[in-house]
C-alpha atoms as a PDB file:
ATOM      1  CA  MET A   1     100.105 118.626  97.350  1.00  0.00           C
ATOM      2  CA  THR A   2      98.544 117.979 100.684  1.00  0.00           C
ATOM      3  CA  ILE A   3      97.712 114.443  99.898  1.00  0.00           C
ATOM      4  CA  ILE A   4     101.328 113.815  98.935  1.00  0.00           C
ATOM      5  CA  LEU A   5     102.292 115.445 102.302  1.00  0.00           C
ATOM      6  CA  SER A   6      99.713 113.350 104.204  1.00  0.00           C
ATOM      7  CA  THR A   7     100.952 110.047 102.537  1.00  0.00           C
ATOM      8  CA  LYS A   8     104.732 110.877 103.283  1.00  0.00           C
ATOM      9  CA  LEU A   9     103.751 111.680 106.874  1.00  0.00           C
ATOM     10  CA  THR A  10     101.675 108.442 107.219  1.00  0.00           C
ATOM     11  CA  LEU A  11     104.776 106.475 106.034  1.00  0.00           C
ATOM     12  CA  SER A  12     107.100 108.335 108.401  1.00  0.00           C
ATOM     13  CA  ARG A  13     105.007 107.799 111.574  1.00  0.00           C
ATOM     14  CA  LEU A  14     105.208 104.009 111.121  1.00  0.00           C
ATOM     15  CA  GLN A  15     108.798 104.277 112.345  1.00  0.00           C
ATOM     16  CA  PHE A  16     107.662 105.700 115.678  1.00  0.00           C
ATOM     17  CA  LEU A  17     104.065 104.546 116.589  1.00  0.00           C
ATOM     18  CA  SER A  18     102.241 101.237 116.490  1.00  0.00           C
ATOM     19  CA  ILE A  19      99.302 100.781 114.183  1.00  0.00           C
ATOM     20  CA  PRO A  20      96.702 100.745 116.979  1.00  0.00           C
ATOM     21  CA  VAL A  21      97.957 104.017 118.425  1.00  0.00           C
ATOM     22  CA  TYR A  22      97.996 105.505 114.868  1.00  0.00           C
ATOM     23  CA  THR A  23      94.482 104.427 114.281  1.00  0.00           C
ATOM     24  CA  ILE A  24      93.263 105.996 117.445  1.00  0.00           C
ATOM     25  CA  PHE A  25      95.074 109.388 116.834  1.00  0.00           C
ATOM     26  CA  LYS A  26      93.936 109.419 113.074  1.00  0.00           C
ATOM     27  CA  ASN A  27      90.342 109.507 114.334  1.00  0.00           C
ATOM     28  CA  LEU A  28      91.301 112.933 115.633  1.00  0.00           C
ATOM     29  CA  THR A  29      91.310 114.010 112.046  1.00  0.00           C
ATOM     30  CA  ILE A  30      87.608 113.646 112.055  1.00  0.00           C
ATOM     31  CA  ILE A  31      87.343 116.089 114.772  1.00  0.00           C
ATOM     32  CA  LEU A  32      89.464 118.582 112.954  1.00  0.00           C
ATOM     33  CA  ILE A  33      87.310 118.073 109.683  1.00  0.00           C
ATOM     34  CA  ALA A  34      84.042 118.600 111.620  1.00  0.00           C
ATOM     35  CA  TYR A  35      85.152 121.840 113.171  1.00  0.00           C
ATOM     36  CA  GLY A  36      86.639 123.058 109.833  1.00  0.00           C
ATOM     37  CA  GLU A  37      83.096 122.402 108.414  1.00  0.00           C
ATOM     38  CA  VAL A  38      81.749 124.383 111.315  1.00  0.00           C
ATOM     39  CA  LEU A  39      84.013 127.341 110.779  1.00  0.00           C
ATOM     40  CA  TRP A  40      84.257 127.555 107.048  1.00  0.00           C
ATOM     41  CA  PHE A  41      80.973 125.997 105.702  1.00  0.00           C
ATOM     42  CA  GLY A  42      78.493 126.911 108.324  1.00  0.00           C
ATOM     43  CA  GLY A  43      77.922 123.308 109.567  1.00  0.00           C
ATOM     44  CA  SER A  44      76.903 122.509 113.039  1.00  0.00           C
ATOM     45  CA  VAL A  45      78.013 119.876 115.688  1.00  0.00           C
ATOM     46  CA  THR A  46      75.256 118.038 117.782  1.00  0.00           C
ATOM     47  CA  GLY A  47      75.615 117.263 121.413  1.00  0.00           C
ATOM     48  CA  MET A  48      75.933 113.583 120.603  1.00  0.00           C
ATOM     49  CA  ALA A  49      78.758 114.382 118.164  1.00  0.00           C
ATOM     50  CA  LEU A  50      80.440 116.507 120.806  1.00  0.00           C
ATOM     51  CA  PHE A  51      80.120 113.591 123.240  1.00  0.00           C
ATOM     52  CA  SER A  52      81.688 111.215 120.843  1.00  0.00           C
ATOM     53  CA  PHE A  53      84.432 113.547 119.899  1.00  0.00           C
ATOM     54  CA  GLY A  54      85.139 113.759 123.720  1.00  0.00           C
ATOM     55  CA  LEU A  55      85.517 110.054 123.756  1.00  0.00           C
ATOM     56  CA  MET A  56      87.890 110.031 120.897  1.00  0.00           C
ATOM     57  CA  VAL A  57      90.083 112.625 122.594  1.00  0.00           C
ATOM     58  CA  LEU A  58      89.949 110.624 125.808  1.00  0.00           C
ATOM     59  CA  SER A  59      90.985 107.334 124.070  1.00  0.00           C
ATOM     60  CA  SER A  60      93.868 109.077 122.429  1.00  0.00           C
ATOM     61  CA  LEU A  61      95.099 110.381 125.779  1.00  0.00           C
ATOM     62  CA  VAL A  62      94.737 106.959 127.242  1.00  0.00           C
ATOM     63  CA  ALA A  63      96.658 105.452 124.348  1.00  0.00           C
ATOM     64  CA  ALA A  64      99.560 108.084 124.633  1.00  0.00           C
ATOM     65  CA  TRP A  65      99.601 107.560 128.535  1.00  0.00           C
ATOM     66  CA  ALA A  66      99.796 103.849 128.134  1.00  0.00           C
ATOM     67  CA  ASP A  67     102.688 104.047 125.623  1.00  0.00           C
ATOM     68  CA  ILE A  68     104.618 106.294 127.731  1.00  0.00           C
ATOM     69  CA  ARG A  69     103.987 104.157 130.820  1.00  0.00           C
ATOM     70  CA  HIS A  70     105.076 101.074 128.975  1.00  0.00           C
ATOM     71  CA  ALA A  71     108.313 102.744 127.835  1.00  0.00           C
ATOM     72  CA  VAL A  72     109.135 103.858 131.449  1.00  0.00           C
ATOM     73  CA  GLU A  73     108.389 100.352 132.869  1.00  0.00           C
ATOM     74  CA  SER A  74     110.063  98.284 130.236  1.00  0.00           C
ATOM     75  CA  TYR A  75     113.475 100.279 130.576  1.00  0.00           C
ATOM     76  CA  GLY A  76     113.424 100.312 134.252  1.00  0.00           C
ATOM     77  CA  HIS A  77     115.634 102.670 136.006  1.00  0.00           C
ATOM     78  CA  SER A  78     118.017 103.305 132.965  1.00  0.00           C
ATOM     79  CA  SER A  79     117.251 106.723 132.415  1.00  0.00           C
ATOM     80  CA  SER A  80     119.115 107.153 129.060  1.00  0.00           C
ATOM     81  CA  ASP A  81     117.230 104.275 127.551  1.00  0.00           C
ATOM     82  CA  THR A  82     113.888 105.505 128.871  1.00  0.00           C
ATOM     83  CA  ALA A  83     114.610 109.133 127.608  1.00  0.00           C
ATOM     84  CA  ALA A  84     115.448 107.786 124.201  1.00  0.00           C
ATOM     85  CA  LYS A  85     112.358 105.701 123.969  1.00  0.00           C
ATOM     86  CA  ILE A  86     110.125 108.642 125.099  1.00  0.00           C
ATOM     87  CA  SER A  87     111.947 110.811 122.597  1.00  0.00           C
ATOM     88  CA  THR A  88     110.981 108.273 119.880  1.00  0.00           C
ATOM     89  CA  LEU A  89     107.400 108.370 121.042  1.00  0.00           C
ATOM     90  CA  ASN A  90     107.392 112.267 121.174  1.00  0.00           C
ATOM     91  CA  SER A  91     108.731 112.138 117.482  1.00  0.00           C
ATOM     92  CA  GLY A  92     105.863 109.800 116.532  1.00  0.00           C
ATOM     93  CA  TYR A  93     103.222 111.942 118.180  1.00  0.00           C
ATOM     94  CA  LEU A  94     104.792 115.019 116.276  1.00  0.00           C
ATOM     95  CA  TRP A  95     104.552 113.137 112.969  1.00  0.00           C
ATOM     96  CA  MET A  96     101.040 112.224 113.836  1.00  0.00           C
ATOM     97  CA  LEU A  97      99.865 115.612 114.540  1.00  0.00           C
ATOM     98  CA  MET A  98     101.386 116.835 111.226  1.00  0.00           C
ATOM     99  CA  ASN A  99      99.573 113.972 109.518  1.00  0.00           C
ATOM    100  CA  CYS A 100      96.190 114.767 111.070  1.00  0.00           C
ATOM    101  CA  LEU A 101      96.542 118.525 110.051  1.00  0.00           C
ATOM    102  CA  SER A 102      97.582 117.692 106.562  1.00  0.00           C
ATOM    103  CA  SER A 103      94.913 115.179 106.025  1.00  0.00           C
ATOM    104  CA  ALA A 104      92.183 117.628 107.369  1.00  0.00           C
ATOM    105  CA  SER A 105      93.482 120.432 105.189  1.00  0.00           C
ATOM    106  CA  TYR A 106      93.331 118.180 102.134  1.00  0.00           C
ATOM    107  CA  VAL A 107      89.725 117.206 102.769  1.00  0.00           C
ATOM    108  CA  LEU A 108      88.619 120.781 103.683  1.00  0.00           C
ATOM    109  CA  GLY A 109      90.478 122.042 100.638  1.00  0.00           C
ATOM    110  CA  MET A 110      88.801 119.672  98.359  1.00  0.00           C
ATOM    111  CA  ARG A 111      85.462 120.513  99.944  1.00  0.00           C
ATOM    112  CA  LYS A 112      86.069 124.187  99.137  1.00  0.00           C
ATOM    113  CA  ARG A 113      87.198 123.543  95.706  1.00  0.00           C
ATOM    114  CA  ILE A 114      84.194 121.387  94.900  1.00  0.00           C
ATOM    115  CA  LYS A 115      81.966 123.997  96.367  1.00  0.00           C
ATOM    116  CA  LEU A 116      83.633 126.835  94.315  1.00  0.00           C
ATOM    117  CA  THR A 117      83.393 124.805  91.042  1.00  0.00           C
ATOM    118  CA  GLN A 118      79.859 123.755  91.774  1.00  0.00           C
ATOM    119  CA  PHE A 119      80.654 120.236  91.006  1.00  0.00           C
ATOM    120  CA  LYS A 120      77.769 117.666  91.066  1.00  0.00           C
ATOM    121  CA  ASP A 121      78.392 114.305  92.981  1.00  0.00           C
ATOM    122  CA  PHE A 122      79.296 112.604  89.732  1.00  0.00           C
ATOM    123  CA  ASP A 123      81.695 115.316  88.782  1.00  0.00           C
ATOM    124  CA  SER A 124      83.551 115.297  92.005  1.00  0.00           C
ATOM    125  CA  GLN A 125      83.786 111.436  92.052  1.00  0.00           C
ATOM    126  CA  SER A 126      85.326 111.623  88.417  1.00  0.00           C
ATOM    127  CA  PHE A 127      87.756 114.393  89.562  1.00  0.00           C
ATOM    128  CA  LYS A 128      88.879 112.297  92.566  1.00  0.00           C
ATOM    129  CA  LEU A 129      89.361 109.246  90.342  1.00  0.00           C
ATOM    130  CA  LEU A 130      91.482 111.259  87.878  1.00  0.00           C
ATOM    131  CA  GLU A 131      93.387 112.690  90.824  1.00  0.00           C
ATOM    132  CA  ILE A 132      94.094 109.104  92.163  1.00  0.00           C
ATOM    133  CA  LEU A 133      94.995 107.847  88.709  1.00  0.00           C
ATOM    134  CA  TYR A 134      97.488 110.691  88.215  1.00  0.00           C
ATOM    135  CA  LEU A 135      99.268 110.071  91.567  1.00  0.00           C
END
């Protein structure tokens, strides 16, 4: 179910955000998965990984700031057009947040399911292939 939600959210966000901004924000899913691993599976995050996570968050903030600044500058002093463009961007960021959360929940849920059923690597690959063929 979460993979279907993730796919739907990916397609929906294309209406509101550019592909480079989507790619930058999609990297935030990696951070969610890493901390989900720490919380639920006893993983750890190294200092270097923490530093790279900080760079990912910083790049996402810069991309969002650049988008908002571009919207304000391109519509000039027309407050209604600027407000409409920023509203569209906010919708895109909301879709992106929901997409990151649903993708991370899918990956962590699959990891938990694989761990509970004690699949081997070959078994889990076969299961994923069957799941993809079913969809």
